[in-house]
Amino acid sequence: MADKINAERRERFGKGAARKLRAAGRIPAVIYGHGTDPVHISLPGHETALIIRKANAVLDLDLGSGSQLVLVKDVQKDPVRQIIEHVDLLVVRSGETVQVEVPVHLEGESAPGTIATLDAQTLLLDVEATHIPERIVLPIEGLADGTHVTAADVQLPEGAKLASDPELLVVGISTPAAEPEPEEAPAAADADAESTPAA
């Protein structure tokens, strides 16, 4: 599902104009794709920040002159203050297939005494633009030591096709090596110190 959001076209560009927009609670953004000229817009800051928390958010932009479906492709943030500085939006059409990275979420616990290592945080999928899954759920309940789950083994959401290498390791189950017992420090030095008579 696409989230509806109001957008305003931008006529002024550059760092100064972008700073003024952000000060007014709006986020600079650009729409591109499908052979169209880039369209510079601004989005409501708080509303946009909430929506793009989820991966691969699809927005239904109200541009005044009509609506436009877009996929959030890139979000630039200030590395220190974590303020959203700019958003890149890709034009998509209902029914169109897009290629996106979808996060992998482990569910359950592997066999007692083992640990599950998530080697692939995301998988690349071909999915319909308006039905992008938020995550891929991978059950690991009871999986034994030595189990390797590859991308080909993962059950994908309905309508999704794997675009990652099928042999890509997603999860490995292993038993952690036992930590060696700490060696006891020699007590002889302490004994000598205690037996030394006071001057």
N, C-alpha and C. Protein backbone atom coordinates (compact mmCIF):
# COMPACT_ATOMS: atom_id res chain seq x y z
N MET A 1 0.84 -1.20 0.00
CA MET A 1 0.00 0.00 0.00
C MET A 1 0.87 1.25 0.00
N ALA A 2 0.43 2.25 -0.76
CA ALA A 2 1.16 3.51 -0.81
C ALA A 2 0.60 4.48 0.22
N ASP A 3 1.49 5.23 0.86
CA ASP A 3 1.07 6.24 1.82
C ASP A 3 0.82 7.56 1.09
N LYS A 4 -0.35 8.14 1.29
CA LYS A 4 -0.68 9.41 0.63
C LYS A 4 0.02 10.55 1.36
N ILE A 5 0.59 11.47 0.60
CA ILE A 5 1.31 12.59 1.20
C ILE A 5 1.28 13.78 0.24
N ASN A 6 1.14 14.98 0.79
CA ASN A 6 1.10 16.18 -0.03
C ASN A 6 2.52 16.67 -0.31
N ALA A 7 2.79 17.00 -1.56
CA ALA A 7 4.10 17.51 -1.95
C ALA A 7 3.95 18.89 -2.59
N GLU A 8 4.98 19.69 -2.47
CA GLU A 8 4.99 21.01 -3.11
C GLU A 8 6.20 21.10 -4.03
N ARG A 9 5.98 21.67 -5.21
CA ARG A 9 7.09 21.85 -6.14
C ARG A 9 8.05 22.91 -5.62
N ARG A 10 9.33 22.70 -5.89
CA ARG A 10 10.36 23.67 -5.47
C ARG A 10 10.85 24.45 -6.68
N GLU A 11 11.01 25.75 -6.49
CA GLU A 11 11.55 26.60 -7.55
C GLU A 11 12.98 27.05 -7.23
N ARG A 12 13.34 26.99 -5.94
CA ARG A 12 14.67 27.44 -5.52
C ARG A 12 15.51 26.24 -5.10
N PHE A 13 16.79 26.29 -5.47
CA PHE A 13 17.67 25.16 -5.21
C PHE A 13 18.93 25.65 -4.50
N GLY A 14 19.80 24.70 -4.16
CA GLY A 14 21.05 25.07 -3.48
C GLY A 14 20.94 24.86 -1.98
N LYS A 15 22.10 24.92 -1.31
CA LYS A 15 22.16 24.65 0.13
C LYS A 15 21.34 25.64 0.95
N GLY A 16 21.41 26.92 0.56
CA GLY A 16 20.67 27.95 1.31
C GLY A 16 19.17 27.71 1.27
N ALA A 17 18.66 27.41 0.06
CA ALA A 17 17.22 27.16 -0.09
C ALA A 17 16.82 25.90 0.68
N ALA A 18 17.70 24.88 0.65
CA ALA A 18 17.40 23.62 1.36
C ALA A 18 17.36 23.85 2.86
N ARG A 19 18.28 24.68 3.36
CA ARG A 19 18.30 24.98 4.79
C ARG A 19 17.00 25.67 5.23
N LYS A 20 16.54 26.62 4.40
CA LYS A 20 15.30 27.34 4.72
C LYS A 20 14.11 26.38 4.75
N LEU A 21 14.09 25.45 3.80
CA LEU A 21 13.00 24.46 3.76
C LEU A 21 12.99 23.64 5.04
N ARG A 22 14.18 23.13 5.42
CA ARG A 22 14.26 22.29 6.62
C ARG A 22 13.89 23.08 7.88
N ALA A 23 14.26 24.36 7.91
CA ALA A 23 13.90 25.22 9.05
C ALA A 23 12.39 25.40 9.14
N ALA A 24 11.72 25.32 7.98
CA ALA A 24 10.25 25.46 7.94
C ALA A 24 9.55 24.12 8.13
N GLY A 25 10.34 23.07 8.47
CA GLY A 25 9.74 21.76 8.75
C GLY A 25 9.45 20.94 7.50
N ARG A 26 10.15 21.24 6.39
CA ARG A 26 9.94 20.48 5.16
C ARG A 26 11.26 19.85 4.72
N ILE A 27 11.14 18.80 3.89
CA ILE A 27 12.32 18.06 3.43
C ILE A 27 12.45 18.19 1.91
N PRO A 28 13.61 18.63 1.41
CA PRO A 28 13.81 18.67 -0.05
C PRO A 28 13.85 17.25 -0.62
N ALA A 29 13.29 17.09 -1.81
CA ALA A 29 13.28 15.78 -2.46
C ALA A 29 13.29 15.96 -3.97
N VAL A 30 13.67 14.89 -4.69
CA VAL A 30 13.63 14.92 -6.15
C VAL A 30 12.99 13.63 -6.65
N ILE A 31 12.14 13.78 -7.69
CA ILE A 31 11.48 12.63 -8.33
C ILE A 31 12.17 12.40 -9.67
N TYR A 32 12.51 11.13 -9.96
CA TYR A 32 13.15 10.83 -11.25
C TYR A 32 12.72 9.44 -11.71
N GLY A 33 13.07 9.12 -12.97
CA GLY A 33 12.79 7.77 -13.49
C GLY A 33 11.79 7.77 -14.63
N HIS A 34 11.72 6.63 -15.32
CA HIS A 34 10.84 6.43 -16.48
C HIS A 34 11.09 7.47 -17.57
N GLY A 35 12.35 7.90 -17.68
CA GLY A 35 12.70 8.82 -18.76
C GLY A 35 12.16 10.23 -18.59
N THR A 36 11.64 10.55 -17.42
CA THR A 36 11.09 11.88 -17.19
C THR A 36 12.18 12.81 -16.66
N ASP A 37 11.98 14.11 -16.83
CA ASP A 37 12.90 15.08 -16.25
C ASP A 37 12.74 15.06 -14.74
N PRO A 38 13.84 15.26 -13.98
CA PRO A 38 13.72 15.31 -12.52
C PRO A 38 12.77 16.42 -12.08
N VAL A 39 11.95 16.13 -11.08
CA VAL A 39 11.02 17.12 -10.53
C VAL A 39 11.44 17.37 -9.08
N HIS A 40 11.74 18.64 -8.76
CA HIS A 40 12.17 19.00 -7.42
C HIS A 40 10.97 19.40 -6.58
N ILE A 41 10.84 18.75 -5.43
CA ILE A 41 9.68 18.99 -4.56
C ILE A 41 10.14 19.13 -3.11
N SER A 42 9.19 19.45 -2.23
CA SER A 42 9.45 19.37 -0.80
C SER A 42 8.31 18.58 -0.16
N LEU A 43 8.65 17.90 0.95
CA LEU A 43 7.69 17.03 1.64
C LEU A 43 7.54 17.48 3.09
N PRO A 44 6.37 17.27 3.70
CA PRO A 44 6.21 17.61 5.12
C PRO A 44 7.15 16.77 5.98
N GLY A 45 7.97 17.45 6.80
CA GLY A 45 9.05 16.78 7.51
C GLY A 45 8.64 15.66 8.44
N HIS A 46 7.78 15.94 9.40
CA HIS A 46 7.42 14.95 10.42
C HIS A 46 6.70 13.74 9.80
N GLU A 47 5.74 14.04 8.95
CA GLU A 47 4.95 12.98 8.30
C GLU A 47 5.86 12.07 7.47
N THR A 48 6.77 12.69 6.71
CA THR A 48 7.68 11.91 5.86
C THR A 48 8.63 11.06 6.70
N ALA A 49 9.16 11.64 7.78
CA ALA A 49 10.09 10.91 8.65
C ALA A 49 9.44 9.65 9.21
N LEU A 50 8.17 9.73 9.58
CA LEU A 50 7.47 8.56 10.12
C LEU A 50 7.29 7.48 9.06
N ILE A 51 6.95 7.89 7.84
CA ILE A 51 6.68 6.93 6.76
C ILE A 51 7.94 6.20 6.34
N ILE A 52 9.05 6.95 6.20
CA ILE A 52 10.26 6.32 5.63
C ILE A 52 11.08 5.57 6.66
N ARG A 53 10.52 5.41 7.87
CA ARG A 53 11.19 4.53 8.83
C ARG A 53 11.21 3.09 8.31
N LYS A 54 10.16 2.71 7.60
CA LYS A 54 10.12 1.35 7.05
C LYS A 54 10.87 1.33 5.72
N ALA A 55 11.48 0.19 5.45
CA ALA A 55 12.26 0.05 4.22
C ALA A 55 11.35 0.07 3.00
N ASN A 56 11.85 0.64 1.91
CA ASN A 56 11.15 0.61 0.61
C ASN A 56 9.74 1.19 0.66
N ALA A 57 9.60 2.33 1.34
CA ALA A 57 8.29 2.96 1.43
C ALA A 57 7.85 3.45 0.04
N VAL A 58 6.57 3.25 -0.26
CA VAL A 58 5.99 3.76 -1.50
C VAL A 58 5.04 4.90 -1.13
N LEU A 59 5.20 6.05 -1.80
CA LEU A 59 4.38 7.23 -1.52
C LEU A 59 3.46 7.52 -2.69
N ASP A 60 2.26 7.93 -2.36
CA ASP A 60 1.32 8.42 -3.37
C ASP A 60 1.31 9.94 -3.20
N LEU A 61 2.11 10.63 -4.03
CA LEU A 61 2.28 12.07 -3.88
C LEU A 61 1.14 12.84 -4.51
N ASP A 62 0.59 13.78 -3.76
CA ASP A 62 -0.38 14.71 -4.30
C ASP A 62 0.39 15.97 -4.69
N LEU A 63 0.54 16.19 -6.00
CA LEU A 63 1.32 17.32 -6.50
C LEU A 63 0.45 18.50 -6.89
N GLY A 64 -0.81 18.47 -6.52
CA GLY A 64 -1.71 19.55 -6.90
C GLY A 64 -2.26 19.35 -8.28
N SER A 65 -1.37 19.10 -9.25
CA SER A 65 -1.80 18.89 -10.64
C SER A 65 -2.15 17.43 -10.90
N GLY A 66 -1.98 16.59 -9.90
CA GLY A 66 -2.26 15.16 -10.06
C GLY A 66 -1.43 14.38 -9.05
N SER A 67 -1.60 13.06 -9.05
CA SER A 67 -0.85 12.23 -8.10
C SER A 67 0.23 11.44 -8.82
N GLN A 68 1.23 11.01 -8.06
CA GLN A 68 2.36 10.26 -8.63
C GLN A 68 2.83 9.23 -7.61
N LEU A 69 2.91 7.97 -8.05
CA LEU A 69 3.46 6.91 -7.19
C LEU A 69 4.98 6.95 -7.27
N VAL A 70 5.63 6.92 -6.10
CA VAL A 70 7.10 6.92 -6.08
C VAL A 70 7.59 5.95 -5.00
N LEU A 71 8.79 5.42 -5.24
CA LEU A 71 9.46 4.53 -4.29
C LEU A 71 10.62 5.30 -3.67
N VAL A 72 10.73 5.27 -2.34
CA VAL A 72 11.85 5.94 -1.67
C VAL A 72 13.12 5.13 -1.96
N LYS A 73 14.05 5.73 -2.75
CA LYS A 73 15.27 5.02 -3.14
C LYS A 73 16.45 5.37 -2.26
N ASP A 74 16.52 6.61 -1.77
CA ASP A 74 17.67 7.00 -0.97
C ASP A 74 17.27 8.12 -0.02
N VAL A 75 17.77 8.03 1.21
CA VAL A 75 17.52 9.07 2.21
C VAL A 75 18.87 9.54 2.73
N GLN A 76 19.16 10.82 2.53
CA GLN A 76 20.42 11.37 3.04
C GLN A 76 20.16 12.05 4.38
N LYS A 77 20.97 11.65 5.39
CA LYS A 77 20.81 12.22 6.73
C LYS A 77 22.09 12.90 7.18
N ASP A 78 21.93 13.90 8.03
CA ASP A 78 23.08 14.52 8.67
C ASP A 78 23.68 13.47 9.61
N PRO A 79 24.97 13.11 9.43
CA PRO A 79 25.54 12.02 10.22
C PRO A 79 25.58 12.28 11.72
N VAL A 80 25.60 13.55 12.11
CA VAL A 80 25.68 13.88 13.54
C VAL A 80 24.29 14.04 14.14
N ARG A 81 23.47 14.91 13.53
CA ARG A 81 22.16 15.22 14.11
C ARG A 81 21.06 14.26 13.64
N GLN A 82 21.37 13.42 12.63
CA GLN A 82 20.40 12.45 12.10
C GLN A 82 19.14 13.13 11.54
N ILE A 83 19.30 14.37 11.09
CA ILE A 83 18.20 15.08 10.44
C ILE A 83 18.17 14.67 8.96
N ILE A 84 16.96 14.41 8.43
CA ILE A 84 16.84 14.06 7.01
C ILE A 84 17.14 15.30 6.18
N GLU A 85 18.15 15.19 5.30
CA GLU A 85 18.56 16.33 4.49
C GLU A 85 17.95 16.31 3.10
N HIS A 86 17.74 15.11 2.56
CA HIS A 86 17.24 15.02 1.19
C HIS A 86 16.70 13.61 0.94
N VAL A 87 15.71 13.50 0.08
CA VAL A 87 15.13 12.19 -0.26
C VAL A 87 15.08 12.05 -1.79
N ASP A 88 15.56 10.89 -2.30
CA ASP A 88 15.45 10.57 -3.72
C ASP A 88 14.26 9.64 -3.93
N LEU A 89 13.40 9.98 -4.87
CA LEU A 89 12.17 9.22 -5.12
C LEU A 89 12.15 8.72 -6.56
N LEU A 90 11.90 7.44 -6.74
CA LEU A 90 11.85 6.84 -8.06
C LEU A 90 10.40 6.66 -8.51
N VAL A 91 10.09 7.15 -9.71
CA VAL A 91 8.74 7.00 -10.27
C VAL A 91 8.43 5.51 -10.48
N VAL A 92 7.29 5.06 -9.97
CA VAL A 92 6.84 3.68 -10.21
C VAL A 92 5.39 3.72 -10.66
N ARG A 93 4.95 2.62 -11.26
CA ARG A 93 3.57 2.52 -11.71
C ARG A 93 2.93 1.29 -11.11
N SER A 94 1.65 1.39 -10.81
CA SER A 94 0.93 0.26 -10.24
C SER A 94 1.03 -0.94 -11.18
N GLY A 95 1.40 -2.10 -10.63
CA GLY A 95 1.56 -3.30 -11.45
C GLY A 95 2.98 -3.50 -11.94
N GLU A 96 3.81 -2.46 -11.83
CA GLU A 96 5.20 -2.54 -12.30
C GLU A 96 6.05 -3.33 -11.30
N THR A 97 7.01 -4.11 -11.80
CA THR A 97 7.93 -4.86 -10.94
C THR A 97 9.18 -4.02 -10.69
N VAL A 98 9.57 -3.95 -9.43
CA VAL A 98 10.79 -3.23 -9.07
C VAL A 98 11.72 -4.18 -8.31
N GLN A 99 13.01 -3.82 -8.27
CA GLN A 99 14.00 -4.63 -7.56
C GLN A 99 14.41 -3.88 -6.30
N VAL A 100 14.21 -4.51 -5.15
CA VAL A 100 14.46 -3.83 -3.87
C VAL A 100 15.14 -4.78 -2.89
N GLU A 101 15.90 -4.19 -1.95
CA GLU A 101 16.50 -4.94 -0.85
C GLU A 101 15.47 -4.99 0.29
N VAL A 102 15.13 -6.19 0.73
CA VAL A 102 14.14 -6.36 1.80
C VAL A 102 14.82 -6.97 3.03
N PRO A 103 14.64 -6.37 4.21
CA PRO A 103 15.31 -6.88 5.42
C PRO A 103 14.86 -8.29 5.79
N VAL A 104 15.81 -9.07 6.33
CA VAL A 104 15.52 -10.43 6.80
C VAL A 104 15.33 -10.38 8.32
N HIS A 105 14.25 -11.00 8.81
CA HIS A 105 13.94 -11.03 10.25
C HIS A 105 13.91 -12.48 10.72
N LEU A 106 14.76 -12.81 11.70
CA LEU A 106 14.79 -14.18 12.23
C LEU A 106 13.68 -14.35 13.26
N GLU A 107 13.04 -15.52 13.21
CA GLU A 107 11.94 -15.81 14.14
C GLU A 107 12.21 -17.14 14.83
N GLY A 108 12.12 -17.14 16.16
CA GLY A 108 12.36 -18.37 16.91
C GLY A 108 13.79 -18.45 17.42
N GLU A 109 14.11 -19.61 18.03
CA GLU A 109 15.43 -19.85 18.62
C GLU A 109 16.01 -21.11 18.03
N SER A 110 17.31 -21.07 17.70
CA SER A 110 17.97 -22.28 17.21
C SER A 110 18.15 -23.25 18.37
N ALA A 111 18.66 -24.47 18.09
CA ALA A 111 18.78 -25.52 19.11
C ALA A 111 19.55 -25.02 20.33
N PRO A 112 19.22 -25.54 21.52
CA PRO A 112 19.90 -25.10 22.74
C PRO A 112 21.42 -25.21 22.62
N GLY A 113 22.11 -24.16 23.09
CA GLY A 113 23.58 -24.16 23.06
C GLY A 113 24.17 -23.64 21.76
N THR A 114 23.29 -23.34 20.78
CA THR A 114 23.79 -22.84 19.49
C THR A 114 23.47 -21.35 19.34
N ILE A 115 24.15 -20.72 18.40
CA ILE A 115 23.84 -19.33 18.05
C ILE A 115 23.56 -19.23 16.56
N ALA A 116 22.69 -18.30 16.21
CA ALA A 116 22.36 -18.06 14.80
C ALA A 116 23.05 -16.78 14.35
N THR A 117 23.83 -16.88 13.28
CA THR A 117 24.52 -15.72 12.74
C THR A 117 23.85 -15.30 11.44
N LEU A 118 23.32 -14.08 11.42
CA LEU A 118 22.65 -13.56 10.23
C LEU A 118 23.70 -12.96 9.30
N ASP A 119 24.06 -13.69 8.26
CA ASP A 119 25.10 -13.24 7.33
C ASP A 119 24.56 -12.25 6.30
N ALA A 120 23.32 -12.40 5.89
CA ALA A 120 22.71 -11.49 4.91
C ALA A 120 21.58 -10.73 5.60
N GLN A 121 21.79 -9.44 5.84
CA GLN A 121 20.77 -8.63 6.51
C GLN A 121 19.55 -8.39 5.62
N THR A 122 19.77 -8.40 4.29
CA THR A 122 18.68 -8.17 3.33
C THR A 122 18.81 -9.17 2.18
N LEU A 123 17.72 -9.34 1.44
CA LEU A 123 17.73 -10.11 0.20
C LEU A 123 17.17 -9.22 -0.91
N LEU A 124 17.74 -9.34 -2.09
CA LEU A 124 17.28 -8.58 -3.25
C LEU A 124 16.13 -9.34 -3.90
N LEU A 125 14.98 -8.66 -4.02
CA LEU A 125 13.78 -9.30 -4.57
C LEU A 125 13.22 -8.50 -5.73
N ASP A 126 12.57 -9.21 -6.65
CA ASP A 126 11.75 -8.57 -7.68
C ASP A 126 10.31 -8.66 -7.19
N VAL A 127 9.69 -7.49 -6.98
CA VAL A 127 8.33 -7.48 -6.43
C VAL A 127 7.50 -6.40 -7.12
N GLU A 128 6.18 -6.53 -6.98
CA GLU A 128 5.28 -5.52 -7.54
C GLU A 128 5.39 -4.25 -6.70
N ALA A 129 5.49 -3.11 -7.39
CA ALA A 129 5.84 -1.84 -6.74
C ALA A 129 4.94 -1.47 -5.57
N THR A 130 3.66 -1.77 -5.67
CA THR A 130 2.74 -1.37 -4.59
C THR A 130 2.49 -2.50 -3.58
N HIS A 131 3.26 -3.60 -3.69
CA HIS A 131 3.13 -4.71 -2.74
C HIS A 131 4.51 -5.16 -2.27
N ILE A 132 5.34 -4.21 -1.86
CA ILE A 132 6.68 -4.53 -1.38
C ILE A 132 6.58 -4.98 0.08
N PRO A 133 7.06 -6.19 0.39
CA PRO A 133 6.99 -6.64 1.79
C PRO A 133 7.92 -5.82 2.68
N GLU A 134 7.48 -5.58 3.93
CA GLU A 134 8.32 -4.82 4.86
C GLU A 134 9.53 -5.63 5.29
N ARG A 135 9.36 -6.96 5.36
CA ARG A 135 10.48 -7.81 5.77
C ARG A 135 10.22 -9.25 5.32
N ILE A 136 11.28 -10.05 5.37
CA ILE A 136 11.19 -11.48 5.08
C ILE A 136 11.37 -12.20 6.40
N VAL A 137 10.37 -12.98 6.81
CA VAL A 137 10.44 -13.71 8.08
C VAL A 137 11.07 -15.07 7.83
N LEU A 138 12.16 -15.35 8.57
CA LEU A 138 12.87 -16.62 8.41
C LEU A 138 12.82 -17.38 9.73
N PRO A 139 12.02 -18.47 9.82
CA PRO A 139 11.94 -19.25 11.07
C PRO A 139 13.22 -20.07 11.26
N ILE A 140 13.79 -20.01 12.48
CA ILE A 140 15.01 -20.79 12.77
C ILE A 140 14.79 -21.70 13.98
N GLU A 141 13.54 -21.84 14.42
CA GLU A 141 13.22 -22.62 15.63
C GLU A 141 13.81 -24.02 15.55
N GLY A 142 14.70 -24.35 16.53
CA GLY A 142 15.23 -25.71 16.66
C GLY A 142 16.30 -26.09 15.67
N LEU A 143 16.75 -25.17 14.81
CA LEU A 143 17.78 -25.53 13.83
C LEU A 143 19.07 -25.96 14.54
N ALA A 144 19.68 -27.04 14.05
CA ALA A 144 20.82 -27.64 14.74
C ALA A 144 22.15 -27.03 14.30
N ASP A 145 23.17 -27.31 15.12
CA ASP A 145 24.54 -26.86 14.83
C ASP A 145 24.95 -27.34 13.44
N GLY A 146 25.57 -26.44 12.66
CA GLY A 146 26.03 -26.80 11.33
C GLY A 146 25.03 -26.52 10.22
N THR A 147 23.80 -26.09 10.59
CA THR A 147 22.79 -25.78 9.57
C THR A 147 23.16 -24.49 8.84
N HIS A 148 23.08 -24.52 7.53
CA HIS A 148 23.29 -23.32 6.71
C HIS A 148 22.02 -23.08 5.89
N VAL A 149 21.48 -21.87 6.00
CA VAL A 149 20.29 -21.51 5.23
C VAL A 149 20.74 -20.54 4.13
N THR A 150 20.52 -20.93 2.87
CA THR A 150 20.88 -20.07 1.75
C THR A 150 19.65 -19.31 1.24
N ALA A 151 19.89 -18.35 0.37
CA ALA A 151 18.78 -17.55 -0.16
C ALA A 151 17.74 -18.43 -0.84
N ALA A 152 18.20 -19.51 -1.50
CA ALA A 152 17.28 -20.41 -2.20
C ALA A 152 16.36 -21.14 -1.23
N ASP A 153 16.79 -21.30 0.05
CA ASP A 153 16.00 -22.02 1.05
C ASP A 153 14.91 -21.15 1.68
N VAL A 154 15.00 -19.84 1.51
CA VAL A 154 14.10 -18.92 2.19
C VAL A 154 12.74 -18.87 1.50
N GLN A 155 11.68 -19.02 2.28
CA GLN A 155 10.33 -18.90 1.73
C GLN A 155 10.00 -17.41 1.56
N LEU A 156 9.78 -16.99 0.33
CA LEU A 156 9.56 -15.58 0.03
C LEU A 156 8.08 -15.22 0.14
N PRO A 157 7.79 -13.94 0.40
CA PRO A 157 6.39 -13.50 0.42
C PRO A 157 5.73 -13.76 -0.94
N GLU A 158 4.43 -13.91 -0.92
CA GLU A 158 3.68 -14.19 -2.15
C GLU A 158 3.93 -13.10 -3.20
N GLY A 159 4.21 -13.53 -4.42
CA GLY A 159 4.42 -12.59 -5.52
C GLY A 159 5.85 -12.10 -5.67
N ALA A 160 6.72 -12.46 -4.73
CA ALA A 160 8.12 -12.01 -4.78
C ALA A 160 9.00 -13.07 -5.44
N LYS A 161 9.99 -12.60 -6.19
CA LYS A 161 10.96 -13.51 -6.81
C LYS A 161 12.36 -13.13 -6.34
N LEU A 162 13.19 -14.14 -6.10
CA LEU A 162 14.54 -13.91 -5.62
C LEU A 162 15.42 -13.35 -6.72
N ALA A 163 16.11 -12.23 -6.42
CA ALA A 163 17.06 -11.65 -7.38
C ALA A 163 18.50 -11.79 -6.86
N SER A 164 18.64 -12.11 -5.57
CA SER A 164 19.97 -12.37 -4.99
C SER A 164 20.50 -13.71 -5.51
N ASP A 165 21.80 -13.95 -5.34
CA ASP A 165 22.41 -15.24 -5.67
C ASP A 165 21.74 -16.32 -4.81
N PRO A 166 21.17 -17.37 -5.43
CA PRO A 166 20.49 -18.42 -4.64
C PRO A 166 21.42 -19.08 -3.62
N GLU A 167 22.73 -19.08 -3.89
CA GLU A 167 23.67 -19.74 -2.97
C GLU A 167 24.17 -18.81 -1.87
N LEU A 168 23.67 -17.58 -1.84
CA LEU A 168 24.07 -16.63 -0.80
C LEU A 168 23.72 -17.18 0.58
N LEU A 169 24.71 -17.21 1.51
CA LEU A 169 24.45 -17.68 2.87
C LEU A 169 23.67 -16.61 3.62
N VAL A 170 22.50 -16.99 4.14
CA VAL A 170 21.67 -16.04 4.89
C VAL A 170 21.90 -16.22 6.39
N VAL A 171 21.81 -17.47 6.86
CA VAL A 171 21.98 -17.75 8.29
C VAL A 171 22.84 -19.00 8.47
N GLY A 172 23.74 -18.93 9.45
CA GLY A 172 24.53 -20.10 9.83
C GLY A 172 24.29 -20.39 11.31
N ILE A 173 24.09 -21.68 11.64
CA ILE A 173 23.89 -22.09 13.04
C ILE A 173 25.17 -22.76 13.53
N SER A 174 25.69 -22.31 14.65
CA SER A 174 26.93 -22.88 15.17
C SER A 174 26.90 -22.94 16.69
N THR A 175 27.81 -23.77 17.23
CA THR A 175 27.97 -23.85 18.69
C THR A 175 29.21 -23.05 19.05
N PRO A 176 29.08 -22.06 19.92
CA PRO A 176 30.24 -21.25 20.26
C PRO A 176 31.31 -22.09 20.93
N ALA A 177 32.59 -21.81 20.63
CA ALA A 177 33.70 -22.54 21.25
C ALA A 177 33.74 -22.21 22.73
N ALA A 178 34.03 -23.25 23.52
CA ALA A 178 34.11 -23.04 24.97
C ALA A 178 35.31 -22.14 25.30
N GLU A 179 35.09 -21.21 26.19
CA GLU A 179 36.18 -20.31 26.57
C GLU A 179 37.15 -21.05 27.47
N PRO A 180 38.48 -20.87 27.24
CA PRO A 180 39.45 -21.55 28.10
C PRO A 180 39.37 -21.04 29.53
N GLU A 181 39.63 -21.97 30.47
CA GLU A 181 39.61 -21.58 31.89
C GLU A 181 40.73 -20.59 32.14
N PRO A 182 40.48 -19.50 32.87
CA PRO A 182 41.56 -18.55 33.15
C PRO A 182 42.61 -19.19 34.06
N GLU A 183 43.89 -18.97 33.74
CA GLU A 183 44.96 -19.55 34.54
C GLU A 183 45.05 -18.80 35.87
N GLU A 184 45.32 -19.59 36.94
CA GLU A 184 45.44 -18.96 38.25
C GLU A 184 46.80 -18.29 38.36
N ALA A 185 46.82 -17.07 38.88
CA ALA A 185 48.08 -16.36 39.04
C ALA A 185 48.89 -17.03 40.15
N PRO A 186 50.22 -17.14 39.98
CA PRO A 186 51.04 -17.77 41.03
C PRO A 186 50.92 -16.99 42.34
N ALA A 187 50.75 -17.73 43.43
CA ALA A 187 50.54 -17.09 44.73
C ALA A 187 51.85 -16.90 45.48
N ALA A 188 52.96 -17.41 44.92
CA ALA A 188 54.25 -17.37 45.63
C ALA A 188 54.68 -15.94 45.93
N ALA A 189 54.50 -15.05 44.96
CA ALA A 189 54.93 -13.66 45.14
C ALA A 189 54.18 -13.02 46.30
N ASP A 190 52.87 -13.32 46.41
CA ASP A 190 52.08 -12.77 47.51
C ASP A 190 52.58 -13.30 48.86
N ALA A 191 52.91 -14.59 48.87
CA ALA A 191 53.37 -15.21 50.11
C ALA A 191 54.68 -14.57 50.57
N ASP A 192 55.59 -14.31 49.62
CA ASP A 192 56.87 -13.70 49.95
C ASP A 192 56.63 -12.32 50.56
N ALA A 193 55.70 -11.57 49.95
CA ALA A 193 55.43 -10.21 50.42
C ALA A 193 54.90 -10.24 51.85
N GLU A 194 54.05 -11.25 52.13
CA GLU A 194 53.46 -11.33 53.47
C GLU A 194 54.48 -11.72 54.53
N SER A 195 55.51 -12.56 54.12
CA SER A 195 56.49 -13.04 55.09
C SER A 195 57.63 -12.07 55.32
N THR A 196 57.71 -11.03 54.53
CA THR A 196 58.79 -10.06 54.72
C THR A 196 58.54 -9.27 56.00
N PRO A 197 59.50 -9.31 56.97
CA PRO A 197 59.28 -8.59 58.23
C PRO A 197 59.26 -7.08 58.02
N ALA A 198 58.47 -6.38 58.80
CA ALA A 198 58.40 -4.92 58.69
C ALA A 198 59.69 -4.32 59.22
N ALA A 199 60.12 -3.24 58.60
CA ALA A 199 61.39 -2.61 58.98
C ALA A 199 61.22 -1.89 60.31
